[in-house]
Amino acid sequence: METVKKNVGLIEFDPNGKKTQIGENLGVARQTLKKVFTAGNPDNVKLHYPEAEVVNDTHSIIQDNSIELIIISSGERRDLEFIGDALKSGKNLLMI
């Protein structure tokens, strides 16, 4: 699998945090994962991605000009507003 070379923001809506390793499964290199938002335990993120900054809101990922790709995991209907904002940002968006 080819490794993603873009600066990545990961947004994990699963409050159980079971999918925090999803970036690795998609070939996201650790050094490219810049920011992570999680609805679960931020400590779980730090276990898997110690290099990444854990943020408290999704818009800090959208508004970061260095982020080129946003991965949204476990998005649901209630997240449509955020997803619309992510699309309007012009960034690449991957929903899983």
N, C-alpha and C. Protein backbone atom coordinates (compact mmCIF):
# COMPACT_ATOMS: atom_id res chain seq x y z
N MET A 1 0.84 -1.17 0.00
CA MET A 1 0.00 0.00 0.00
C MET A 1 0.88 1.24 0.00
N GLU A 2 0.53 2.22 -0.81
CA GLU A 2 1.29 3.46 -0.86
C GLU A 2 0.97 4.32 0.35
N THR A 3 1.98 4.94 0.92
CA THR A 3 1.79 5.77 2.11
C THR A 3 1.36 7.18 1.71
N VAL A 4 0.33 7.69 2.40
CA VAL A 4 -0.14 9.05 2.16
C VAL A 4 0.93 10.03 2.61
N LYS A 5 1.26 11.00 1.76
CA LYS A 5 2.33 11.94 2.07
C LYS A 5 1.81 13.31 2.49
N LYS A 6 0.53 13.55 2.45
CA LYS A 6 -0.05 14.85 2.79
C LYS A 6 -0.14 15.02 4.30
N ASN A 7 -0.22 16.28 4.74
CA ASN A 7 -0.49 16.54 6.15
C ASN A 7 -1.95 16.20 6.40
N VAL A 8 -2.19 15.39 7.41
CA VAL A 8 -3.50 14.79 7.64
C VAL A 8 -4.08 15.24 8.97
N GLY A 9 -5.39 15.48 8.97
CA GLY A 9 -6.16 15.66 10.19
C GLY A 9 -7.15 14.52 10.31
N LEU A 10 -7.20 13.86 11.44
CA LEU A 10 -8.11 12.73 11.67
C LEU A 10 -9.20 13.15 12.63
N ILE A 11 -10.44 12.93 12.22
CA ILE A 11 -11.58 13.24 13.07
C ILE A 11 -12.30 11.94 13.35
N GLU A 12 -12.27 11.53 14.61
CA GLU A 12 -12.82 10.24 15.03
C GLU A 12 -14.05 10.50 15.90
N PHE A 13 -15.23 10.21 15.35
CA PHE A 13 -16.47 10.45 16.08
C PHE A 13 -16.89 9.28 16.96
N ASP A 14 -16.19 8.16 16.89
CA ASP A 14 -16.54 7.00 17.70
C ASP A 14 -16.16 7.26 19.16
N PRO A 15 -17.14 7.43 20.06
CA PRO A 15 -16.80 7.72 21.46
C PRO A 15 -16.06 6.60 22.16
N ASN A 16 -16.11 5.39 21.62
CA ASN A 16 -15.38 4.28 22.20
C ASN A 16 -13.91 4.30 21.82
N GLY A 17 -13.56 5.10 20.81
CA GLY A 17 -12.17 5.23 20.40
C GLY A 17 -11.57 3.97 19.81
N LYS A 18 -12.40 3.04 19.37
CA LYS A 18 -11.86 1.78 18.85
C LYS A 18 -11.23 1.93 17.47
N LYS A 19 -11.50 3.04 16.80
CA LYS A 19 -11.00 3.19 15.44
C LYS A 19 -9.84 4.18 15.36
N THR A 20 -9.21 4.48 16.47
CA THR A 20 -8.15 5.49 16.44
C THR A 20 -6.95 5.05 15.62
N GLN A 21 -6.86 3.77 15.30
CA GLN A 21 -5.74 3.30 14.48
C GLN A 21 -6.09 3.29 12.99
N ILE A 22 -7.22 3.87 12.64
CA ILE A 22 -7.69 3.80 11.26
C ILE A 22 -6.71 4.41 10.28
N GLY A 23 -6.03 5.47 10.69
CA GLY A 23 -5.05 6.10 9.81
C GLY A 23 -3.95 5.15 9.40
N GLU A 24 -3.49 4.33 10.32
CA GLU A 24 -2.45 3.36 10.01
C GLU A 24 -2.96 2.35 9.00
N ASN A 25 -4.21 1.95 9.13
CA ASN A 25 -4.78 0.98 8.21
C ASN A 25 -4.91 1.55 6.80
N LEU A 26 -5.00 2.87 6.68
CA LEU A 26 -5.13 3.51 5.38
C LEU A 26 -3.78 3.92 4.80
N GLY A 27 -2.71 3.64 5.49
CA GLY A 27 -1.39 3.98 4.98
C GLY A 27 -0.97 5.40 5.31
N VAL A 28 -1.56 6.00 6.33
CA VAL A 28 -1.15 7.34 6.75
C VAL A 28 0.11 7.21 7.58
N ALA A 29 1.19 7.80 7.09
CA ALA A 29 2.45 7.76 7.82
C ALA A 29 2.33 8.59 9.10
N ARG A 30 2.92 8.10 10.16
CA ARG A 30 2.82 8.80 11.45
C ARG A 30 3.26 10.26 11.36
N GLN A 31 4.30 10.54 10.59
CA GLN A 31 4.80 11.90 10.55
C GLN A 31 3.86 12.85 9.81
N THR A 32 2.89 12.33 9.06
CA THR A 32 1.97 13.21 8.35
C THR A 32 0.71 13.50 9.14
N LEU A 33 0.44 12.76 10.20
CA LEU A 33 -0.75 12.99 11.00
C LEU A 33 -0.47 14.15 11.95
N LYS A 34 -1.05 15.29 11.65
CA LYS A 34 -0.74 16.52 12.39
C LYS A 34 -1.69 16.76 13.55
N LYS A 35 -2.99 16.55 13.32
CA LYS A 35 -3.98 16.84 14.36
C LYS A 35 -5.03 15.74 14.39
N VAL A 36 -5.53 15.47 15.60
CA VAL A 36 -6.58 14.47 15.78
C VAL A 36 -7.64 15.04 16.71
N PHE A 37 -8.90 14.91 16.30
CA PHE A 37 -10.03 15.18 17.18
C PHE A 37 -10.68 13.83 17.47
N THR A 38 -11.04 13.60 18.72
CA THR A 38 -11.72 12.36 19.06
C THR A 38 -12.90 12.65 19.97
N ALA A 39 -13.98 11.91 19.77
CA ALA A 39 -15.13 11.98 20.66
C ALA A 39 -14.89 11.06 21.86
N GLY A 40 -13.83 10.31 21.81
CA GLY A 40 -13.49 9.37 22.88
C GLY A 40 -12.41 9.92 23.79
N ASN A 41 -11.60 9.04 24.29
CA ASN A 41 -10.55 9.39 25.24
C ASN A 41 -9.31 9.88 24.51
N PRO A 42 -8.91 11.15 24.73
CA PRO A 42 -7.71 11.68 24.07
C PRO A 42 -6.44 10.90 24.40
N ASP A 43 -6.41 10.26 25.56
CA ASP A 43 -5.24 9.46 25.93
C ASP A 43 -5.03 8.30 24.97
N ASN A 44 -6.13 7.74 24.44
CA ASN A 44 -6.02 6.67 23.45
C ASN A 44 -5.32 7.16 22.19
N VAL A 45 -5.64 8.40 21.80
CA VAL A 45 -5.00 8.97 20.62
C VAL A 45 -3.50 9.08 20.85
N LYS A 46 -3.11 9.56 22.00
CA LYS A 46 -1.69 9.74 22.30
C LYS A 46 -0.94 8.41 22.34
N LEU A 47 -1.64 7.32 22.68
CA LEU A 47 -1.01 6.01 22.64
C LEU A 47 -0.65 5.61 21.21
N HIS A 48 -1.56 5.89 20.28
CA HIS A 48 -1.37 5.49 18.89
C HIS A 48 -0.60 6.52 18.07
N TYR A 49 -0.78 7.79 18.40
CA TYR A 49 -0.18 8.88 17.62
C TYR A 49 0.48 9.90 18.54
N PRO A 50 1.57 9.57 19.17
CA PRO A 50 2.19 10.50 20.12
C PRO A 50 2.69 11.78 19.46
N GLU A 51 2.92 11.76 18.15
CA GLU A 51 3.42 12.94 17.45
C GLU A 51 2.31 13.93 17.13
N ALA A 52 1.07 13.47 17.11
CA ALA A 52 -0.05 14.30 16.68
C ALA A 52 -0.56 15.18 17.82
N GLU A 53 -1.06 16.35 17.44
CA GLU A 53 -1.70 17.25 18.40
C GLU A 53 -3.16 16.83 18.54
N VAL A 54 -3.62 16.61 19.76
CA VAL A 54 -5.02 16.30 20.02
C VAL A 54 -5.74 17.63 20.21
N VAL A 55 -6.79 17.84 19.42
CA VAL A 55 -7.52 19.11 19.47
C VAL A 55 -8.91 18.89 20.05
N ASN A 56 -9.50 19.98 20.57
CA ASN A 56 -10.79 19.90 21.25
C ASN A 56 -11.98 20.14 20.34
N ASP A 57 -11.73 20.60 19.11
CA ASP A 57 -12.85 20.83 18.20
C ASP A 57 -12.44 20.53 16.76
N THR A 58 -13.41 20.21 15.95
CA THR A 58 -13.14 19.81 14.57
C THR A 58 -12.68 20.99 13.71
N HIS A 59 -13.13 22.19 14.04
CA HIS A 59 -12.80 23.34 13.20
C HIS A 59 -11.31 23.71 13.28
N SER A 60 -10.63 23.33 14.33
CA SER A 60 -9.20 23.61 14.38
C SER A 60 -8.46 22.78 13.33
N ILE A 61 -9.05 21.69 12.90
CA ILE A 61 -8.47 20.90 11.80
C ILE A 61 -8.85 21.54 10.46
N ILE A 62 -10.11 21.91 10.30
CA ILE A 62 -10.57 22.50 9.05
C ILE A 62 -9.82 23.81 8.77
N GLN A 63 -9.61 24.62 9.77
CA GLN A 63 -9.03 25.94 9.59
C GLN A 63 -7.50 25.94 9.53
N ASP A 64 -6.88 24.81 9.74
CA ASP A 64 -5.42 24.72 9.69
C ASP A 64 -4.97 24.62 8.24
N ASN A 65 -4.28 25.66 7.77
CA ASN A 65 -3.85 25.70 6.37
C ASN A 65 -2.82 24.63 6.01
N SER A 66 -2.15 24.05 7.01
CA SER A 66 -1.16 23.02 6.71
C SER A 66 -1.81 21.65 6.49
N ILE A 67 -3.06 21.48 6.91
CA ILE A 67 -3.77 20.21 6.74
C ILE A 67 -4.30 20.14 5.31
N GLU A 68 -3.92 19.09 4.59
CA GLU A 68 -4.35 18.91 3.20
C GLU A 68 -5.42 17.84 3.04
N LEU A 69 -5.46 16.90 3.97
CA LEU A 69 -6.41 15.79 3.90
C LEU A 69 -7.07 15.62 5.25
N ILE A 70 -8.39 15.54 5.25
CA ILE A 70 -9.15 15.28 6.48
C ILE A 70 -9.78 13.90 6.35
N ILE A 71 -9.49 13.05 7.32
CA ILE A 71 -10.12 11.73 7.38
C ILE A 71 -11.18 11.79 8.47
N ILE A 72 -12.41 11.46 8.09
CA ILE A 72 -13.52 11.44 9.05
C ILE A 72 -13.92 10.00 9.25
N SER A 73 -13.85 9.54 10.49
CA SER A 73 -14.20 8.18 10.83
C SER A 73 -15.45 8.17 11.70
N SER A 74 -16.38 7.32 11.37
CA SER A 74 -17.60 7.13 12.15
C SER A 74 -18.52 8.33 12.10
N GLY A 75 -18.48 9.10 11.02
CA GLY A 75 -19.40 10.22 10.88
C GLY A 75 -20.84 9.72 10.77
N GLU A 76 -21.75 10.48 11.34
CA GLU A 76 -23.16 10.11 11.30
C GLU A 76 -23.97 11.30 10.80
N ARG A 77 -25.25 11.11 10.67
CA ARG A 77 -26.14 12.15 10.15
C ARG A 77 -25.99 13.46 10.92
N ARG A 78 -25.80 13.39 12.22
CA ARG A 78 -25.69 14.60 13.03
C ARG A 78 -24.41 15.38 12.71
N ASP A 79 -23.50 14.76 12.01
CA ASP A 79 -22.22 15.39 11.68
C ASP A 79 -22.25 16.07 10.31
N LEU A 80 -23.41 16.12 9.67
CA LEU A 80 -23.49 16.66 8.32
C LEU A 80 -23.03 18.11 8.24
N GLU A 81 -23.33 18.93 9.24
CA GLU A 81 -22.90 20.33 9.21
C GLU A 81 -21.37 20.41 9.16
N PHE A 82 -20.73 19.63 10.00
CA PHE A 82 -19.27 19.62 10.00
C PHE A 82 -18.74 19.13 8.66
N ILE A 83 -19.33 18.08 8.14
CA ILE A 83 -18.87 17.52 6.87
C ILE A 83 -19.00 18.57 5.76
N GLY A 84 -20.09 19.33 5.77
CA GLY A 84 -20.27 20.42 4.80
C GLY A 84 -19.17 21.45 4.93
N ASP A 85 -18.82 21.82 6.16
CA ASP A 85 -17.73 22.78 6.37
C ASP A 85 -16.41 22.23 5.86
N ALA A 86 -16.17 20.95 6.08
CA ALA A 86 -14.93 20.34 5.61
C ALA A 86 -14.86 20.37 4.08
N LEU A 87 -15.97 20.08 3.42
CA LEU A 87 -16.01 20.12 1.96
C LEU A 87 -15.78 21.54 1.44
N LYS A 88 -16.39 22.52 2.09
CA LYS A 88 -16.24 23.91 1.66
C LYS A 88 -14.81 24.41 1.83
N SER A 89 -14.05 23.79 2.70
CA SER A 89 -12.66 24.24 2.95
C SER A 89 -11.76 23.99 1.75
N GLY A 90 -12.18 23.12 0.84
CA GLY A 90 -11.36 22.81 -0.33
C GLY A 90 -10.32 21.74 -0.07
N LYS A 91 -10.28 21.21 1.15
CA LYS A 91 -9.32 20.15 1.48
C LYS A 91 -9.82 18.82 0.92
N ASN A 92 -8.91 17.91 0.73
CA ASN A 92 -9.30 16.55 0.37
C ASN A 92 -9.99 15.94 1.58
N LEU A 93 -11.02 15.17 1.33
CA LEU A 93 -11.82 14.60 2.41
C LEU A 93 -12.03 13.12 2.14
N LEU A 94 -11.76 12.31 3.17
CA LEU A 94 -11.98 10.87 3.08
C LEU A 94 -12.85 10.47 4.26
N MET A 95 -14.01 9.90 3.95
CA MET A 95 -14.93 9.46 4.99
C MET A 95 -14.93 7.94 5.03
N ILE A 96 -14.74 7.41 6.25
CA ILE A 96 -14.73 5.96 6.40
C ILE A 96 -15.63 5.56 7.55
